[in-house]
Amino acid sequence: MAISLTRPLSLTPHSLKPSILPSIGYPFITMKPQSIASSAVAAACAGVGVEGAKRRLPVLLFDVMGTIVRDPFYEEIPAFFGMSLKELIECKHPTAWVEFEKGLIDEVELAKKFFKDGRQFDLEGLKLCMKNGYFYIDGVEGLLKALKQSNYEMHAFTNYPVWYQLIEDKLKLSAYLSWTFCSCLSGKRKPDPDFYVEVLHHLDVEPASCIFIDDRLENVEAARNAGIAGIHFTKAKSLRENLCQLGVDSSTFTV
């Protein structure tokens, strides 16, 4: 399947990272379960014509890093630079990665300003290190395959630079979803409300006809504020159960 570059990925993770927060327990649905479940079930039963075919709703929007793909930021990247995660966060430029994620600078400019002190480093070596650290999170590929077999429309909705192509080269996510909404191509990042509005406009669907999955709670809350059902990702088995409660069929998925 070809990669869609129509508005489709911190060192992040999640923005090399503006903040590093531990994963916390939280209810997986950030809207009222009954109202969202009914909306999702109704949408799934209704369907909308798309290019002469039946469009199965809801549309599923997936964050990538930390939700589908393991993030190399916490271990591999600090090791590459020969420092701890804390040291890396203290040394990196505060906005360079975010600018890279939004497509405001290219990788050459990123290399010049990645560190506050402007020190040079092996850019190609860093890219290889990141690529080697990309793996599907346990159980997620099987769930994506089951959802694909059930004919759900799935899109990446992710904060990532043009290096999302490294993820695609290694893991072939486009076998399951389209790289439709990447921050580097839209110039916007979650949880910017305008990014969610842009996604809905591009898909031409009502918010209640979408489900958004992300491991970062602030992004899920932004989806809720846009009227989209939100699932806070923790692991594949829980995600499958959460989707089932919203009327999404992934019956062929096994852990």
C-alpha atoms as a PDB file:
ATOM      1  CA  MET A   1       0.000   0.000   0.000  1.00  0.00           C
ATOM      2  CA  ALA A   2       1.364   3.408  -0.887  1.00  0.00           C
ATOM      3  CA  ILE A   3       1.890   5.966   1.860  1.00  0.00           C
ATOM      4  CA  SER A   4      -0.611   8.776   1.757  1.00  0.00           C
ATOM      5  CA  LEU A   5       1.092  12.144   2.232  1.00  0.00           C
ATOM      6  CA  THR A   6      -2.116  14.134   2.132  1.00  0.00           C
ATOM      7  CA  ARG A   7      -2.013  15.991   5.398  1.00  0.00           C
ATOM      8  CA  PRO A   8      -1.137  12.977   7.080  1.00  0.00           C
ATOM      9  CA  LEU A   9       4.786  11.647  12.356  1.00  0.00           C
ATOM     10  CA  SER A  10       9.602  14.062  20.354  1.00  0.00           C
ATOM     11  CA  LEU A  11      13.559  12.960  19.758  1.00  0.00           C
ATOM     12  CA  THR A  12      10.510  12.686  21.090  1.00  0.00           C
ATOM     13  CA  PRO A  13       9.051  10.804  22.211  1.00  0.00           C
ATOM     14  CA  HIS A  14       6.252  13.028  22.036  1.00  0.00           C
ATOM     15  CA  SER A  15       8.423  15.905  21.320  1.00  0.00           C
ATOM     16  CA  LEU A  16      11.982  15.112  22.604  1.00  0.00           C
ATOM     17  CA  LYS A  17       9.878  15.708  24.892  1.00  0.00           C
ATOM     18  CA  PRO A  18       8.685  19.033  26.131  1.00  0.00           C
ATOM     19  CA  SER A  19       7.835  17.162  29.303  1.00  0.00           C
ATOM     20  CA  ILE A  20       8.407  13.617  30.451  1.00  0.00           C
ATOM     21  CA  LEU A  21       5.503  12.294  32.451  1.00  0.00           C
ATOM     22  CA  PRO A  22       5.045   8.764  33.770  1.00  0.00           C
ATOM     23  CA  SER A  23       2.121   6.770  32.495  1.00  0.00           C
ATOM     24  CA  ILE A  24      -0.781   7.073  34.910  1.00  0.00           C
ATOM     25  CA  GLY A  25      -3.933   5.098  35.349  1.00  0.00           C
ATOM     26  CA  TYR A  26      -7.003   6.846  34.046  1.00  0.00           C
ATOM     27  CA  PRO A  27     -10.411   5.888  32.728  1.00  0.00           C
ATOM     28  CA  PHE A  28      -9.934   4.856  29.117  1.00  0.00           C
ATOM     29  CA  ILE A  29     -12.932   6.778  27.767  1.00  0.00           C
ATOM     30  CA  THR A  30     -12.949  10.492  28.242  1.00  0.00           C
ATOM     31  CA  MET A  31     -16.555  11.025  27.236  1.00  0.00           C
ATOM     32  CA  LYS A  32     -19.700   9.595  28.757  1.00  0.00           C
ATOM     33  CA  PRO A  33     -19.541   5.879  27.871  1.00  0.00           C
ATOM     34  CA  GLN A  34     -23.241   5.446  27.119  1.00  0.00           C
ATOM     35  CA  SER A  35     -23.484   8.406  24.764  1.00  0.00           C
ATOM     36  CA  ILE A  36     -20.273   7.509  22.955  1.00  0.00           C
ATOM     37  CA  ALA A  37     -21.155   3.844  22.669  1.00  0.00           C
ATOM     38  CA  SER A  38     -24.538   4.638  21.167  1.00  0.00           C
ATOM     39  CA  SER A  39     -22.994   7.117  18.738  1.00  0.00           C
ATOM     40  CA  ALA A  40     -20.303   4.683  17.667  1.00  0.00           C
ATOM     41  CA  VAL A  41     -22.731   1.788  17.238  1.00  0.00           C
ATOM     42  CA  ALA A  42     -25.183   3.940  15.296  1.00  0.00           C
ATOM     43  CA  ALA A  43     -22.401   5.228  13.070  1.00  0.00           C
ATOM     44  CA  ALA A  44     -21.031   1.759  12.452  1.00  0.00           C
ATOM     45  CA  CYS A  45     -24.440   0.524  11.399  1.00  0.00           C
ATOM     46  CA  ALA A  46     -25.192   3.494   9.166  1.00  0.00           C
ATOM     47  CA  GLY A  47     -22.162   3.864   6.919  1.00  0.00           C
ATOM     48  CA  VAL A  48     -21.516   6.560   4.367  1.00  0.00           C
ATOM     49  CA  GLY A  49     -20.838   6.222   0.667  1.00  0.00           C
ATOM     50  CA  VAL A  50     -17.156   6.746  -0.175  1.00  0.00           C
ATOM     51  CA  GLU A  51     -16.077   6.545  -3.788  1.00  0.00           C
ATOM     52  CA  GLY A  52     -18.889   4.151  -4.585  1.00  0.00           C
ATOM     53  CA  ALA A  53     -18.127   1.846  -1.642  1.00  0.00           C
ATOM     54  CA  LYS A  54     -19.660   1.492   1.768  1.00  0.00           C
ATOM     55  CA  ARG A  55     -17.712   3.390   4.382  1.00  0.00           C
ATOM     56  CA  ARG A  56     -17.632   1.546   7.695  1.00  0.00           C
ATOM     57  CA  LEU A  57     -17.852   3.856  10.670  1.00  0.00           C
ATOM     58  CA  PRO A  58     -16.500   4.826  13.098  1.00  0.00           C
ATOM     59  CA  VAL A  59     -13.239   6.035  11.589  1.00  0.00           C
ATOM     60  CA  LEU A  60     -10.329   5.051  13.833  1.00  0.00           C
ATOM     61  CA  LEU A  61      -7.593   7.619  14.465  1.00  0.00           C
ATOM     62  CA  PHE A  62      -4.357   6.307  15.969  1.00  0.00           C
ATOM     63  CA  ASP A  63      -1.481   8.099  17.564  1.00  0.00           C
ATOM     64  CA  VAL A  64       1.705   6.285  16.557  1.00  0.00           C
ATOM     65  CA  MET A  65       4.587   6.771  18.978  1.00  0.00           C
ATOM     66  CA  GLY A  66       3.836   5.098  22.302  1.00  0.00           C
ATOM     67  CA  THR A  67       0.509   3.765  21.010  1.00  0.00           C
ATOM     68  CA  ILE A  68       1.422   1.605  18.016  1.00  0.00           C
ATOM     69  CA  VAL A  69       5.209   1.836  17.998  1.00  0.00           C
ATOM     70  CA  ARG A  70       7.668   1.577  20.876  1.00  0.00           C
ATOM     71  CA  ASP A  71       9.423   4.898  21.453  1.00  0.00           C
ATOM     72  CA  PRO A  72      13.259   4.714  21.419  1.00  0.00           C
ATOM     73  CA  PHE A  73      13.593   8.036  23.250  1.00  0.00           C
ATOM     74  CA  TYR A  74      13.804   6.681  26.771  1.00  0.00           C
ATOM     75  CA  GLU A  75      16.595   4.132  26.323  1.00  0.00           C
ATOM     76  CA  GLU A  76      18.251   3.979  22.907  1.00  0.00           C
ATOM     77  CA  ILE A  77      18.605   7.719  22.307  1.00  0.00           C
ATOM     78  CA  PRO A  78      20.239   8.626  25.637  1.00  0.00           C
ATOM     79  CA  ALA A  79      22.564   5.637  25.169  1.00  0.00           C
ATOM     80  CA  PHE A  80      23.447   6.884  21.663  1.00  0.00           C
ATOM     81  CA  PHE A  81      24.561  10.215  23.117  1.00  0.00           C
ATOM     82  CA  GLY A  82      26.291   8.553  26.077  1.00  0.00           C
ATOM     83  CA  MET A  83      24.127  10.252  28.678  1.00  0.00           C
ATOM     84  CA  SER A  84      21.183   9.631  30.922  1.00  0.00           C
ATOM     85  CA  LEU A  85      17.647  10.603  29.943  1.00  0.00           C
ATOM     86  CA  LYS A  86      17.761  13.436  32.490  1.00  0.00           C
ATOM     87  CA  GLU A  87      21.028  14.751  31.039  1.00  0.00           C
ATOM     88  CA  LEU A  88      19.639  14.582  27.502  1.00  0.00           C
ATOM     89  CA  ILE A  89      16.543  16.574  28.440  1.00  0.00           C
ATOM     90  CA  GLU A  90      18.692  19.200  30.159  1.00  0.00           C
ATOM     91  CA  CYS A  91      21.038  19.536  27.146  1.00  0.00           C
ATOM     92  CA  LYS A  92      18.599  19.571  24.256  1.00  0.00           C
ATOM     93  CA  HIS A  93      17.241  22.755  22.719  1.00  0.00           C
ATOM     94  CA  PRO A  94      13.781  23.501  24.158  1.00  0.00           C
ATOM     95  CA  THR A  95      11.965  23.982  20.838  1.00  0.00           C
ATOM     96  CA  ALA A  96      14.070  22.409  18.070  1.00  0.00           C
ATOM     97  CA  TRP A  97      12.280  19.057  18.029  1.00  0.00           C
ATOM     98  CA  VAL A  98       8.838  20.649  18.094  1.00  0.00           C
ATOM     99  CA  GLU A  99       9.852  22.843  15.155  1.00  0.00           C
ATOM    100  CA  PHE A 100      11.041  19.714  13.336  1.00  0.00           C
ATOM    101  CA  GLU A 101       7.764  17.930  14.093  1.00  0.00           C
ATOM    102  CA  LYS A 102       5.809  20.850  12.652  1.00  0.00           C
ATOM    103  CA  GLY A 103       7.925  20.915   9.476  1.00  0.00           C
ATOM    104  CA  LEU A 104       9.308  24.370  10.264  1.00  0.00           C
ATOM    105  CA  ILE A 105      12.916  23.166  10.002  1.00  0.00           C
ATOM    106  CA  ASP A 106      14.527  20.272   8.146  1.00  0.00           C
ATOM    107  CA  GLU A 107      16.854  17.658   9.586  1.00  0.00           C
ATOM    108  CA  VAL A 108      19.964  19.651   8.677  1.00  0.00           C
ATOM    109  CA  GLU A 109      18.737  22.606  10.709  1.00  0.00           C
ATOM    110  CA  LEU A 110      17.696  20.234  13.492  1.00  0.00           C
ATOM    111  CA  ALA A 111      21.254  18.897  13.694  1.00  0.00           C
ATOM    112  CA  LYS A 112      22.592  22.456  14.032  1.00  0.00           C
ATOM    113  CA  LYS A 113      20.341  23.403  16.928  1.00  0.00           C
ATOM    114  CA  PHE A 114      19.394  20.122  18.596  1.00  0.00           C
ATOM    115  CA  PHE A 115      21.664  20.810  21.547  1.00  0.00           C
ATOM    116  CA  LYS A 116      21.603  24.129  23.367  1.00  0.00           C
ATOM    117  CA  ASP A 117      25.361  24.519  23.005  1.00  0.00           C
ATOM    118  CA  GLY A 118      25.296  23.745  19.270  1.00  0.00           C
ATOM    119  CA  ARG A 119      27.552  20.690  19.567  1.00  0.00           C
ATOM    120  CA  GLN A 120      27.786  18.503  16.479  1.00  0.00           C
ATOM    121  CA  PHE A 121      26.732  14.863  16.338  1.00  0.00           C
ATOM    122  CA  ASP A 122      26.290  12.021  13.875  1.00  0.00           C
ATOM    123  CA  LEU A 123      22.854  12.715  12.384  1.00  0.00           C
ATOM    124  CA  GLU A 124      22.764   9.583  10.233  1.00  0.00           C
ATOM    125  CA  GLY A 125      23.867   7.532  13.210  1.00  0.00           C
ATOM    126  CA  LEU A 126      21.018   8.987  15.258  1.00  0.00           C
ATOM    127  CA  LYS A 127      18.473   8.132  12.552  1.00  0.00           C
ATOM    128  CA  LEU A 128      19.781   4.558  12.387  1.00  0.00           C
ATOM    129  CA  CYS A 129      19.620   4.292  16.167  1.00  0.00           C
ATOM    130  CA  MET A 130      15.990   5.423  16.136  1.00  0.00           C
ATOM    131  CA  LYS A 131      15.061   3.071  13.312  1.00  0.00           C
ATOM    132  CA  ASN A 132      16.639   0.149  15.142  1.00  0.00           C
ATOM    133  CA  GLY A 133      14.575   1.042  18.203  1.00  0.00           C
ATOM    134  CA  TYR A 134      11.202   1.024  16.451  1.00  0.00           C
ATOM    135  CA  PHE A 135       9.062  -2.033  17.231  1.00  0.00           C
ATOM    136  CA  TYR A 136       5.355  -2.697  17.369  1.00  0.00           C
ATOM    137  CA  ILE A 137       4.064  -2.499  20.932  1.00  0.00           C
ATOM    138  CA  ASP A 138       3.054  -5.987  22.078  1.00  0.00           C
ATOM    139  CA  GLY A 139      -0.242  -7.109  20.571  1.00  0.00           C
ATOM    140  CA  VAL A 140      -0.927  -3.933  18.610  1.00  0.00           C
ATOM    141  CA  GLU A 141      -0.102  -5.253  15.146  1.00  0.00           C
ATOM    142  CA  GLY A 142      -2.506  -8.156  15.641  1.00  0.00           C
ATOM    143  CA  LEU A 143      -5.258  -5.747  16.645  1.00  0.00           C
ATOM    144  CA  LEU A 144      -4.590  -3.522  13.630  1.00  0.00           C
ATOM    145  CA  LYS A 145      -4.754  -6.577  11.382  1.00  0.00           C
ATOM    146  CA  ALA A 146      -8.100  -7.620  12.900  1.00  0.00           C
ATOM    147  CA  LEU A 147      -9.527  -4.121  12.461  1.00  0.00           C
ATOM    148  CA  LYS A 148      -8.286  -4.031   8.883  1.00  0.00           C
ATOM    149  CA  GLN A 149      -9.952  -7.387   8.186  1.00  0.00           C
ATOM    150  CA  SER A 150     -13.174  -5.912   9.570  1.00  0.00           C
ATOM    151  CA  ASN A 151     -12.881  -3.093   6.982  1.00  0.00           C
ATOM    152  CA  TYR A 152     -12.446  -0.188   9.364  1.00  0.00           C
ATOM    153  CA  GLU A 153     -10.969   3.005   7.981  1.00  0.00           C
ATOM    154  CA  MET A 154      -7.831   3.832   9.971  1.00  0.00           C
ATOM    155  CA  HIS A 155      -5.518   6.836   9.922  1.00  0.00           C
ATOM    156  CA  ALA A 156      -2.383   7.882  11.738  1.00  0.00           C
ATOM    157  CA  PHE A 157      -3.009  11.095  13.688  1.00  0.00           C
ATOM    158  CA  THR A 158       0.401  11.798  15.109  1.00  0.00           C
ATOM    159  CA  ASN A 159       3.010  14.339  16.157  1.00  0.00           C
ATOM    160  CA  TYR A 160       6.123  13.312  14.259  1.00  0.00           C
ATOM    161  CA  PRO A 161       8.647  14.749  11.775  1.00  0.00           C
ATOM    162  CA  VAL A 162       9.422  13.463   8.299  1.00  0.00           C
ATOM    163  CA  TRP A 163      11.245  10.620  10.007  1.00  0.00           C
ATOM    164  CA  TYR A 164       7.891   8.848  10.160  1.00  0.00           C
ATOM    165  CA  GLN A 165       9.195   7.422   6.888  1.00  0.00           C
ATOM    166  CA  LEU A 166      11.796   5.501   8.921  1.00  0.00           C
ATOM    167  CA  ILE A 167       8.975   3.866  10.854  1.00  0.00           C
ATOM    168  CA  GLU A 168       7.183   2.999   7.624  1.00  0.00           C
ATOM    169  CA  ASP A 169      10.344   1.586   6.064  1.00  0.00           C
ATOM    170  CA  LYS A 170      10.839  -0.787   8.980  1.00  0.00           C
ATOM    171  CA  LEU A 171       7.332  -1.686  10.173  1.00  0.00           C
ATOM    172  CA  LYS A 172       5.127  -1.077   7.101  1.00  0.00           C
ATOM    173  CA  LEU A 173       2.274   0.526   9.046  1.00  0.00           C
ATOM    174  CA  SER A 174       0.641   1.445   5.747  1.00  0.00           C
ATOM    175  CA  ALA A 175      -0.470  -2.183   5.466  1.00  0.00           C
ATOM    176  CA  TYR A 176      -3.051  -1.272   8.106  1.00  0.00           C
ATOM    177  CA  LEU A 177      -3.569   2.498   8.099  1.00  0.00           C
ATOM    178  CA  SER A 178      -2.842   5.637   6.116  1.00  0.00           C
ATOM    179  CA  TRP A 179      -0.252   8.210   7.196  1.00  0.00           C
ATOM    180  CA  THR A 180      -2.859  10.891   6.699  1.00  0.00           C
ATOM    181  CA  PHE A 181      -2.433  13.288   9.615  1.00  0.00           C
ATOM    182  CA  CYS A 182       1.202  13.941  10.478  1.00  0.00           C
ATOM    183  CA  SER A 183       2.238  17.135  12.220  1.00  0.00           C
ATOM    184  CA  CYS A 184       5.168  17.629   9.857  1.00  0.00           C
ATOM    185  CA  LEU A 185       2.775  17.940   6.909  1.00  0.00           C
ATOM    186  CA  SER A 186      -0.009  19.903   8.569  1.00  0.00           C
ATOM    187  CA  GLY A 187       2.157  22.326  10.562  1.00  0.00           C
ATOM    188  CA  LYS A 188      -0.001  21.584  13.626  1.00  0.00           C
ATOM    189  CA  ARG A 189       0.534  19.368  16.663  1.00  0.00           C
ATOM    190  CA  LYS A 190      -1.804  17.702  19.099  1.00  0.00           C
ATOM    191  CA  PRO A 191      -3.353  18.889  21.354  1.00  0.00           C
ATOM    192  CA  ASP A 192      -3.924  21.999  19.203  1.00  0.00           C
ATOM    193  CA  PRO A 193      -7.738  22.137  18.723  1.00  0.00           C
ATOM    194  CA  ASP A 194      -7.273  23.301  15.131  1.00  0.00           C
ATOM    195  CA  PHE A 195      -5.530  20.040  14.294  1.00  0.00           C
ATOM    196  CA  TYR A 196      -8.612  18.058  15.348  1.00  0.00           C
ATOM    197  CA  VAL A 197     -10.893  20.376  13.370  1.00  0.00           C
ATOM    198  CA  GLU A 198      -8.679  19.888  10.313  1.00  0.00           C
ATOM    199  CA  VAL A 199      -8.884  16.104  10.676  1.00  0.00           C
ATOM    200  CA  LEU A 200     -12.687  16.135  10.848  1.00  0.00           C
ATOM    201  CA  HIS A 201     -12.900  18.479   7.860  1.00  0.00           C
ATOM    202  CA  HIS A 202     -10.576  16.297   5.793  1.00  0.00           C
ATOM    203  CA  LEU A 203     -12.497  13.109   6.657  1.00  0.00           C
ATOM    204  CA  ASP A 204     -15.867  14.815   6.150  1.00  0.00           C
ATOM    205  CA  VAL A 205     -17.415  13.081   9.152  1.00  0.00           C
ATOM    206  CA  GLU A 206     -19.129  14.141  12.338  1.00  0.00           C
ATOM    207  CA  PRO A 207     -17.010  13.971  15.520  1.00  0.00           C
ATOM    208  CA  ALA A 208     -19.243  11.183  16.895  1.00  0.00           C
ATOM    209  CA  SER A 209     -18.244   9.052  13.890  1.00  0.00           C
ATOM    210  CA  CYS A 210     -14.601   8.926  15.001  1.00  0.00           C
ATOM    211  CA  ILE A 211     -12.653   7.230  17.764  1.00  0.00           C
ATOM    212  CA  PHE A 212      -9.211   8.534  18.738  1.00  0.00           C
ATOM    213  CA  ILE A 213      -6.570   6.436  20.515  1.00  0.00           C
ATOM    214  CA  ASP A 214      -3.485   7.949  22.159  1.00  0.00           C
ATOM    215  CA  ASP A 215      -1.180   7.128  25.067  1.00  0.00           C
ATOM    216  CA  ARG A 216      -1.017  10.787  26.125  1.00  0.00           C
ATOM    217  CA  LEU A 217      -3.969  11.881  28.168  1.00  0.00           C
ATOM    218  CA  GLU A 218      -3.830  15.545  27.151  1.00  0.00           C
ATOM    219  CA  ASN A 219      -4.322  14.554  23.509  1.00  0.00           C
ATOM    220  CA  VAL A 220      -7.276  12.320  24.396  1.00  0.00           C
ATOM    221  CA  GLU A 221      -8.859  15.156  26.370  1.00  0.00           C
ATOM    222  CA  ALA A 222      -8.452  17.463  23.361  1.00  0.00           C
ATOM    223  CA  ALA A 223     -10.294  14.884  21.249  1.00  0.00           C
ATOM    224  CA  ARG A 224     -13.091  14.820  23.812  1.00  0.00           C
ATOM    225  CA  ASN A 225     -13.316  18.606  23.639  1.00  0.00           C
ATOM    226  CA  ALA A 226     -13.763  18.282  19.882  1.00  0.00           C
ATOM    227  CA  GLY A 227     -16.626  15.807  20.375  1.00  0.00           C
ATOM    228  CA  ILE A 228     -14.566  12.743  19.424  1.00  0.00           C
ATOM    229  CA  ALA A 229     -14.623   9.549  21.497  1.00  0.00           C
ATOM    230  CA  GLY A 230     -11.247   9.167  23.181  1.00  0.00           C
ATOM    231  CA  ILE A 231      -9.432   6.063  24.418  1.00  0.00           C
ATOM    232  CA  HIS A 232      -6.359   6.391  26.615  1.00  0.00           C
ATOM    233  CA  PHE A 233      -4.029   3.625  25.407  1.00  0.00           C
ATOM    234  CA  THR A 234      -2.230   1.421  27.927  1.00  0.00           C
ATOM    235  CA  LYS A 235      -1.966  -1.995  26.233  1.00  0.00           C
ATOM    236  CA  ALA A 236      -3.407  -3.840  23.248  1.00  0.00           C
ATOM    237  CA  LYS A 237      -5.723  -6.171  25.171  1.00  0.00           C
ATOM    238  CA  SER A 238      -7.340  -3.279  27.044  1.00  0.00           C
ATOM    239  CA  LEU A 239      -7.665  -1.308  23.818  1.00  0.00           C
ATOM    240  CA  ARG A 240      -9.491  -4.195  22.165  1.00  0.00           C
ATOM    241  CA  GLU A 241     -11.910  -4.334  25.115  1.00  0.00           C
ATOM    242  CA  ASN A 242     -12.401  -0.563  25.026  1.00  0.00           C
ATOM    243  CA  LEU A 243     -13.150  -0.625  21.303  1.00  0.00           C
ATOM    244  CA  CYS A 244     -15.577  -3.501  21.762  1.00  0.00           C
ATOM    245  CA  GLN A 245     -17.499  -1.454  24.330  1.00  0.00           C
ATOM    246  CA  LEU A 246     -17.806   1.269  21.696  1.00  0.00           C
ATOM    247  CA  GLY A 247     -19.251  -1.187  19.164  1.00  0.00           C
ATOM    248  CA  VAL A 248     -16.071  -1.781  17.155  1.00  0.00           C
ATOM    249  CA  ASP A 249     -15.674  -5.336  15.850  1.00  0.00           C
ATOM    250  CA  SER A 250     -12.206  -6.831  16.271  1.00  0.00           C
ATOM    251  CA  SER A 251     -13.412 -10.382  16.835  1.00  0.00           C
ATOM    252  CA  THR A 252     -10.513 -11.970  14.971  1.00  0.00           C
ATOM    253  CA  PHE A 253      -8.005 -10.448  17.401  1.00  0.00           C
ATOM    254  CA  THR A 254      -6.327 -12.812  19.871  1.00  0.00           C
ATOM    255  CA  VAL A 255      -3.594 -12.088  22.391  1.00  0.00           C
END
